[in-house]
Amino acid sequence: MLTVYIEDELEAELNQLAKQQHTPPEQLVKNLLASYTAKQKEPELLADIMKELPELTTFKGDPLTLQKSLRDEWS
């Protein structure tokens, strides 16, 4: 167990949030920590995000050929 000492103003704000969410303050802190750690694990660079995207076979190949085929559909 860890004991954390916080200022009175922060304690009042925590208690108010807990009351609004009908959650014990301890659970609210756990939820906030879980949310914080989840965000820390998220990729921060666009290149990292792109690595996680699925590959679309539709856009493979020569871009000019793809563009021409799309334009030919409109003709």
PDB file of N, CA and C in Angstrom:
ATOM      1  N   MET A   1       0.847  -1.181   0.000  1.00  0.00           N
ATOM      2  CA  MET A   1       0.000   0.000   0.000  1.00  0.00           C
ATOM      3  C   MET A   1       0.887   1.236   0.000  1.00  0.00           C
ATOM      4  N   LEU A   2       0.409   2.246  -0.683  1.00  0.00           N
ATOM      5  CA  LEU A   2       1.139   3.500  -0.787  1.00  0.00           C
ATOM      6  C   LEU A   2       0.256   4.604  -0.224  1.00  0.00           C
ATOM      7  N   THR A   3       0.829   5.433   0.594  1.00  0.00           N
ATOM      8  CA  THR A   3       0.106   6.573   1.140  1.00  0.00           C
ATOM      9  C   THR A   3       0.604   7.829   0.440  1.00  0.00           C
ATOM     10  N   VAL A   4      -0.346   8.591  -0.099  1.00  0.00           N
ATOM     11  CA  VAL A   4       0.004   9.813  -0.819  1.00  0.00           C
ATOM     12  C   VAL A   4      -0.635  10.983  -0.077  1.00  0.00           C
ATOM     13  N   TYR A   5       0.159  11.988   0.192  1.00  0.00           N
ATOM     14  CA  TYR A   5      -0.345  13.189   0.853  1.00  0.00           C
ATOM     15  C   TYR A   5      -0.561  14.267  -0.211  1.00  0.00           C
ATOM     16  N   ILE A   6      -1.772  14.802  -0.230  1.00  0.00           N
ATOM     17  CA  ILE A   6      -2.088  15.836  -1.216  1.00  0.00           C
ATOM     18  C   ILE A   6      -2.605  17.074  -0.487  1.00  0.00           C
ATOM     19  N   GLU A   7      -2.549  18.188  -1.177  1.00  0.00           N
ATOM     20  CA  GLU A   7      -3.011  19.443  -0.594  1.00  0.00           C
ATOM     21  C   GLU A   7      -4.525  19.396  -0.390  1.00  0.00           C
ATOM     22  N   ASP A   8      -5.005  20.228   0.513  1.00  0.00           N
ATOM     23  CA  ASP A   8      -6.424  20.259   0.842  1.00  0.00           C
ATOM     24  C   ASP A   8      -7.287  20.595  -0.374  1.00  0.00           C
ATOM     25  N   GLU A   9      -6.832  21.520  -1.202  1.00  0.00           N
ATOM     26  CA  GLU A   9      -7.598  21.910  -2.392  1.00  0.00           C
ATOM     27  C   GLU A   9      -7.740  20.745  -3.361  1.00  0.00           C
ATOM     28  N   LEU A  10      -6.648  20.019  -3.557  1.00  0.00           N
ATOM     29  CA  LEU A  10      -6.673  18.870  -4.456  1.00  0.00           C
ATOM     30  C   LEU A  10      -7.545  17.758  -3.877  1.00  0.00           C
ATOM     31  N   GLU A  11      -7.487  17.577  -2.584  1.00  0.00           N
ATOM     32  CA  GLU A  11      -8.329  16.576  -1.930  1.00  0.00           C
ATOM     33  C   GLU A  11      -9.805  16.926  -2.106  1.00  0.00           C
ATOM     34  N   ALA A  12     -10.146  18.184  -1.952  1.00  0.00           N
ATOM     35  CA  ALA A  12     -11.529  18.616  -2.128  1.00  0.00           C
ATOM     36  C   ALA A  12     -11.996  18.385  -3.563  1.00  0.00           C
ATOM     37  N   GLU A  13     -11.111  18.679  -4.514  1.00  0.00           N
ATOM     38  CA  GLU A  13     -11.451  18.466  -5.924  1.00  0.00           C
ATOM     39  C   GLU A  13     -11.632  16.971  -6.221  1.00  0.00           C
ATOM     40  N   LEU A  14     -10.759  16.145  -5.673  1.00  0.00           N
ATOM     41  CA  LEU A  14     -10.865  14.701  -5.851  1.00  0.00           C
ATOM     42  C   LEU A  14     -12.165  14.173  -5.251  1.00  0.00           C
ATOM     43  N   ASN A  15     -12.494  14.630  -4.063  1.00  0.00           N
ATOM     44  CA  ASN A  15     -13.737  14.193  -3.420  1.00  0.00           C
ATOM     45  C   ASN A  15     -14.966  14.648  -4.209  1.00  0.00           C
ATOM     46  N   GLN A  16     -14.894  15.858  -4.769  1.00  0.00           N
ATOM     47  CA  GLN A  16     -16.007  16.363  -5.567  1.00  0.00           C
ATOM     48  C   GLN A  16     -16.185  15.527  -6.840  1.00  0.00           C
ATOM     49  N   LEU A  17     -15.092  15.215  -7.515  1.00  0.00           N
ATOM     50  CA  LEU A  17     -15.159  14.379  -8.713  1.00  0.00           C
ATOM     51  C   LEU A  17     -15.695  12.989  -8.382  1.00  0.00           C
ATOM     52  N   ALA A  18     -15.224  12.444  -7.289  1.00  0.00           N
ATOM     53  CA  ALA A  18     -15.677  11.117  -6.872  1.00  0.00           C
ATOM     54  C   ALA A  18     -17.175  11.129  -6.575  1.00  0.00           C
ATOM     55  N   LYS A  19     -17.631  12.183  -5.942  1.00  0.00           N
ATOM     56  CA  LYS A  19     -19.053  12.304  -5.619  1.00  0.00           C
ATOM     57  C   LYS A  19     -19.884  12.431  -6.902  1.00  0.00           C
ATOM     58  N   GLN A  20     -19.405  13.215  -7.860  1.00  0.00           N
ATOM     59  CA  GLN A  20     -20.119  13.391  -9.124  1.00  0.00           C
ATOM     60  C   GLN A  20     -20.216  12.082  -9.904  1.00  0.00           C
ATOM     61  N   GLN A  21     -19.179  11.276  -9.834  1.00  0.00           N
ATOM     62  CA  GLN A  21     -19.142  10.024 -10.587  1.00  0.00           C
ATOM     63  C   GLN A  21     -19.642   8.834  -9.763  1.00  0.00           C
ATOM     64  N   HIS A  22     -20.066   9.097  -8.548  1.00  0.00           N
ATOM     65  CA  HIS A  22     -20.569   8.044  -7.652  1.00  0.00           C
ATOM     66  C   HIS A  22     -19.549   6.908  -7.541  1.00  0.00           C
ATOM     67  N   THR A  23     -18.304   7.311  -7.323  1.00  0.00           N
ATOM     68  CA  THR A  23     -17.179   6.383  -7.250  1.00  0.00           C
ATOM     69  C   THR A  23     -16.341   6.751  -6.035  1.00  0.00           C
ATOM     70  N   PRO A  24     -15.841   5.767  -5.318  1.00  0.00           N
ATOM     71  CA  PRO A  24     -14.936   6.101  -4.213  1.00  0.00           C
ATOM     72  C   PRO A  24     -13.677   6.796  -4.745  1.00  0.00           C
ATOM     73  N   PRO A  25     -13.109   7.710  -3.978  1.00  0.00           N
ATOM     74  CA  PRO A  25     -11.907   8.408  -4.436  1.00  0.00           C
ATOM     75  C   PRO A  25     -10.772   7.459  -4.825  1.00  0.00           C
ATOM     76  N   GLU A  26     -10.636   6.341  -4.091  1.00  0.00           N
ATOM     77  CA  GLU A  26      -9.584   5.377  -4.402  1.00  0.00           C
ATOM     78  C   GLU A  26      -9.765   4.805  -5.804  1.00  0.00           C
ATOM     79  N   GLN A  27     -11.014   4.481  -6.167  1.00  0.00           N
ATOM     80  CA  GLN A  27     -11.291   3.930  -7.483  1.00  0.00           C
ATOM     81  C   GLN A  27     -11.071   4.973  -8.576  1.00  0.00           C
ATOM     82  N   LEU A  28     -11.421   6.212  -8.277  1.00  0.00           N
ATOM     83  CA  LEU A  28     -11.211   7.296  -9.233  1.00  0.00           C
ATOM     84  C   LEU A  28      -9.722   7.471  -9.522  1.00  0.00           C
ATOM     85  N   VAL A  29      -8.897   7.404  -8.493  1.00  0.00           N
ATOM     86  CA  VAL A  29      -7.448   7.510  -8.675  1.00  0.00           C
ATOM     87  C   VAL A  29      -6.938   6.326  -9.496  1.00  0.00           C
ATOM     88  N   LYS A  30      -7.441   5.122  -9.222  1.00  0.00           N
ATOM     89  CA  LYS A  30      -7.044   3.946  -9.998  1.00  0.00           C
ATOM     90  C   LYS A  30      -7.415   4.127 -11.467  1.00  0.00           C
ATOM     91  N   ASN A  31      -8.624   4.616 -11.721  1.00  0.00           N
ATOM     92  CA  ASN A  31      -9.070   4.838 -13.099  1.00  0.00           C
ATOM     93  C   ASN A  31      -8.208   5.875 -13.803  1.00  0.00           C
ATOM     94  N   LEU A  32      -7.892   6.952 -13.098  1.00  0.00           N
ATOM     95  CA  LEU A  32      -7.056   8.003 -13.683  1.00  0.00           C
ATOM     96  C   LEU A  32      -5.652   7.492 -13.985  1.00  0.00           C
ATOM     97  N   LEU A  33      -5.104   6.687 -13.094  1.00  0.00           N
ATOM     98  CA  LEU A  33      -3.778   6.114 -13.333  1.00  0.00           C
ATOM     99  C   LEU A  33      -3.804   5.135 -14.506  1.00  0.00           C
ATOM    100  N   ALA A  34      -4.854   4.337 -14.594  1.00  0.00           N
ATOM    101  CA  ALA A  34      -4.971   3.399 -15.711  1.00  0.00           C
ATOM    102  C   ALA A  34      -5.072   4.151 -17.034  1.00  0.00           C
ATOM    103  N   SER A  35      -5.845   5.229 -17.044  1.00  0.00           N
ATOM    104  CA  SER A  35      -5.979   6.053 -18.250  1.00  0.00           C
ATOM    105  C   SER A  35      -4.641   6.688 -18.616  1.00  0.00           C
ATOM    106  N   TYR A  36      -3.936   7.170 -17.631  1.00  0.00           N
ATOM    107  CA  TYR A  36      -2.633   7.803 -17.864  1.00  0.00           C
ATOM    108  C   TYR A  36      -1.638   6.802 -18.438  1.00  0.00           C
ATOM    109  N   THR A  37      -1.549   5.612 -17.845  1.00  0.00           N
ATOM    110  CA  THR A  37      -0.590   4.628 -18.341  1.00  0.00           C
ATOM    111  C   THR A  37      -0.973   4.131 -19.727  1.00  0.00           C
ATOM    112  N   ALA A  38      -2.263   4.041 -20.030  1.00  0.00           N
ATOM    113  CA  ALA A  38      -2.689   3.629 -21.375  1.00  0.00           C
ATOM    114  C   ALA A  38      -2.261   4.661 -22.409  1.00  0.00           C
ATOM    115  N   LYS A  39      -2.375   5.928 -22.066  1.00  0.00           N
ATOM    116  CA  LYS A  39      -1.957   6.983 -22.995  1.00  0.00           C
ATOM    117  C   LYS A  39      -0.447   6.998 -23.184  1.00  0.00           C
ATOM    118  N   GLN A  40       0.289   6.620 -22.168  1.00  0.00           N
ATOM    119  CA  GLN A  40       1.750   6.588 -22.278  1.00  0.00           C
ATOM    120  C   GLN A  40       2.203   5.492 -23.235  1.00  0.00           C
ATOM    121  N   LYS A  41       1.395   4.442 -23.380  1.00  0.00           N
ATOM    122  CA  LYS A  41       1.753   3.331 -24.253  1.00  0.00           C
ATOM    123  C   LYS A  41       1.354   3.586 -25.696  1.00  0.00           C
ATOM    124  N   GLU A  42       0.540   4.590 -25.948  1.00  0.00           N
ATOM    125  CA  GLU A  42       0.107   4.902 -27.292  1.00  0.00           C
ATOM    126  C   GLU A  42       1.269   5.480 -28.091  1.00  0.00           C
ATOM    127  N   PRO A  43       1.337   5.147 -29.374  1.00  0.00           N
ATOM    128  CA  PRO A  43       2.417   5.713 -30.182  1.00  0.00           C
ATOM    129  C   PRO A  43       2.283   7.222 -30.290  1.00  0.00           C
ATOM    130  N   GLU A  44       3.399   7.900 -30.271  1.00  0.00           N
ATOM    131  CA  GLU A  44       3.381   9.351 -30.312  1.00  0.00           C
ATOM    132  C   GLU A  44       3.741   9.891 -31.686  1.00  0.00           C
ATOM    133  N   LEU A  45       4.486   9.131 -32.469  1.00  0.00           N
ATOM    134  CA  LEU A  45       4.900   9.600 -33.772  1.00  0.00           C
ATOM    135  C   LEU A  45       3.935   9.104 -34.843  1.00  0.00           C
ATOM    136  N   LEU A  46       3.730   9.909 -35.855  1.00  0.00           N
ATOM    137  CA  LEU A  46       2.868   9.517 -36.952  1.00  0.00           C
ATOM    138  C   LEU A  46       3.377   8.238 -37.604  1.00  0.00           C
ATOM    139  N   ALA A  47       4.690   8.092 -37.701  1.00  0.00           N
ATOM    140  CA  ALA A  47       5.263   6.881 -38.289  1.00  0.00           C
ATOM    141  C   ALA A  47       4.886   5.653 -37.474  1.00  0.00           C
ATOM    142  N   ASP A  48       4.853   5.779 -36.146  1.00  0.00           N
ATOM    143  CA  ASP A  48       4.456   4.658 -35.293  1.00  0.00           C
ATOM    144  C   ASP A  48       2.987   4.315 -35.488  1.00  0.00           C
ATOM    145  N   ILE A  49       2.161   5.341 -35.631  1.00  0.00           N
ATOM    146  CA  ILE A  49       0.731   5.113 -35.847  1.00  0.00           C
ATOM    147  C   ILE A  49       0.522   4.416 -37.188  1.00  0.00           C
ATOM    148  N   MET A  50       1.260   4.847 -38.205  1.00  0.00           N
ATOM    149  CA  MET A  50       1.113   4.258 -39.534  1.00  0.00           C
ATOM    150  C   MET A  50       1.526   2.790 -39.553  1.00  0.00           C
ATOM    151  N   LYS A  51       2.482   2.421 -38.726  1.00  0.00           N
ATOM    152  CA  LYS A  51       2.905   1.021 -38.661  1.00  0.00           C
ATOM    153  C   LYS A  51       1.788   0.123 -38.156  1.00  0.00           C
ATOM    154  N   GLU A  52       0.888   0.672 -37.341  1.00  0.00           N
ATOM    155  CA  GLU A  52      -0.192  -0.108 -36.763  1.00  0.00           C
ATOM    156  C   GLU A  52      -1.426  -0.183 -37.656  1.00  0.00           C
ATOM    157  N   LEU A  53      -1.459   0.616 -38.722  1.00  0.00           N
ATOM    158  CA  LEU A  53      -2.598   0.593 -39.629  1.00  0.00           C
ATOM    159  C   LEU A  53      -2.559  -0.668 -40.493  1.00  0.00           C
ATOM    160  N   PRO A  54      -3.730  -1.197 -40.851  1.00  0.00           N
ATOM    161  CA  PRO A  54      -3.735  -2.372 -41.725  1.00  0.00           C
ATOM    162  C   PRO A  54      -3.314  -1.988 -43.136  1.00  0.00           C
ATOM    163  N   GLU A  55      -2.730  -2.943 -43.843  1.00  0.00           N
ATOM    164  CA  GLU A  55      -2.337  -2.686 -45.229  1.00  0.00           C
ATOM    165  C   GLU A  55      -3.552  -2.856 -46.121  1.00  0.00           C
ATOM    166  N   LEU A  56      -3.762  -1.903 -47.006  1.00  0.00           N
ATOM    167  CA  LEU A  56      -4.880  -1.959 -47.940  1.00  0.00           C
ATOM    168  C   LEU A  56      -4.334  -2.327 -49.311  1.00  0.00           C
ATOM    169  N   THR A  57      -4.762  -3.455 -49.823  1.00  0.00           N
ATOM    170  CA  THR A  57      -4.275  -3.906 -51.123  1.00  0.00           C
ATOM    171  C   THR A  57      -4.769  -3.002 -52.242  1.00  0.00           C
ATOM    172  N   THR A  58      -5.822  -2.254 -51.997  1.00  0.00           N
ATOM    173  CA  THR A  58      -6.383  -1.352 -52.998  1.00  0.00           C
ATOM    174  C   THR A  58      -5.361  -0.328 -53.476  1.00  0.00           C
ATOM    175  N   PHE A  59      -4.513   0.139 -52.594  1.00  0.00           N
ATOM    176  CA  PHE A  59      -3.591   1.215 -52.923  1.00  0.00           C
ATOM    177  C   PHE A  59      -2.173   0.731 -53.214  1.00  0.00           C
ATOM    178  N   LYS A  60      -2.003  -0.560 -53.473  1.00  0.00           N
ATOM    179  CA  LYS A  60      -0.679  -1.062 -53.836  1.00  0.00           C
ATOM    180  C   LYS A  60      -0.460  -0.860 -55.325  1.00  0.00           C
ATOM    181  N   GLY A  61       0.763  -0.758 -55.708  1.00  0.00           N
ATOM    182  CA  GLY A  61       1.083  -0.601 -57.113  1.00  0.00           C
ATOM    183  C   GLY A  61       1.502   0.813 -57.440  1.00  0.00           C
ATOM    184  N   ASP A  62       1.544   1.081 -58.736  1.00  0.00           N
ATOM    185  CA  ASP A  62       1.981   2.379 -59.234  1.00  0.00           C
ATOM    186  C   ASP A  62       0.888   3.432 -58.999  1.00  0.00           C
ATOM    187  N   PRO A  63       1.198   4.519 -58.303  1.00  0.00           N
ATOM    188  CA  PRO A  63       0.181   5.543 -58.013  1.00  0.00           C
ATOM    189  C   PRO A  63      -0.424   6.163 -59.273  1.00  0.00           C
ATOM    190  N   LEU A  64       0.387   6.346 -60.312  1.00  0.00           N
ATOM    191  CA  LEU A  64      -0.140   6.944 -61.541  1.00  0.00           C
ATOM    192  C   LEU A  64      -1.129   6.016 -62.231  1.00  0.00           C
ATOM    193  N   THR A  65      -0.834   4.726 -62.222  1.00  0.00           N
ATOM    194  CA  THR A  65      -1.750   3.746 -62.812  1.00  0.00           C
ATOM    195  C   THR A  65      -3.058   3.723 -62.034  1.00  0.00           C
ATOM    196  N   LEU A  66      -2.956   3.764 -60.739  1.00  0.00           N
ATOM    197  CA  LEU A  66      -4.154   3.793 -59.901  1.00  0.00           C
ATOM    198  C   LEU A  66      -4.984   5.039 -60.190  1.00  0.00           C
ATOM    199  N   GLN A  67      -4.321   6.185 -60.271  1.00  0.00           N
ATOM    200  CA  GLN A  67      -5.030   7.432 -60.548  1.00  0.00           C
ATOM    201  C   GLN A  67      -5.706   7.384 -61.913  1.00  0.00           C
ATOM    202  N   LYS A  68      -5.015   6.845 -62.915  1.00  0.00           N
ATOM    203  CA  LYS A  68      -5.584   6.758 -64.254  1.00  0.00           C
ATOM    204  C   LYS A  68      -6.797   5.835 -64.260  1.00  0.00           C
ATOM    205  N   SER A  69      -6.705   4.709 -63.562  1.00  0.00           N
ATOM    206  CA  SER A  69      -7.844   3.784 -63.529  1.00  0.00           C
ATOM    207  C   SER A  69      -9.044   4.400 -62.815  1.00  0.00           C
ATOM    208  N   LEU A  70      -8.779   5.194 -61.792  1.00  0.00           N
ATOM    209  CA  LEU A  70      -9.889   5.849 -61.104  1.00  0.00           C
ATOM    210  C   LEU A  70     -10.538   6.910 -62.007  1.00  0.00           C
ATOM    211  N   ARG A  71      -9.708   7.628 -62.754  1.00  0.00           N
ATOM    212  CA  ARG A  71     -10.249   8.637 -63.668  1.00  0.00           C
ATOM    213  C   ARG A  71     -11.030   7.981 -64.795  1.00  0.00           C
ATOM    214  N   ASP A  72     -10.549   6.829 -65.267  1.00  0.00           N
ATOM    215  CA  ASP A  72     -11.233   6.126 -66.358  1.00  0.00           C
ATOM    216  C   ASP A  72     -12.624   5.653 -65.923  1.00  0.00           C
ATOM    217  N   GLU A  73     -12.796   5.406 -64.624  1.00  0.00           N
ATOM    218  CA  GLU A  73     -14.120   5.013 -64.135  1.00  0.00           C
ATOM    219  C   GLU A  73     -15.125   6.126 -64.312  1.00  0.00           C
ATOM    220  N   TRP A  74     -14.692   7.375 -64.293  1.00  0.00           N
ATOM    221  CA  TRP A  74     -15.610   8.508 -64.410  1.00  0.00           C
ATOM    222  C   TRP A  74     -15.971   8.821 -65.859  1.00  0.00           C
ATOM    223  N   SER A  75     -15.204   8.285 -66.776  1.00  0.00           N
ATOM    224  CA  SER A  75     -15.446   8.595 -68.202  1.00  0.00           C
ATOM    225  C   SER A  75     -16.564   7.751 -68.771  1.00  0.00           C
TER     226      SER A  75
END
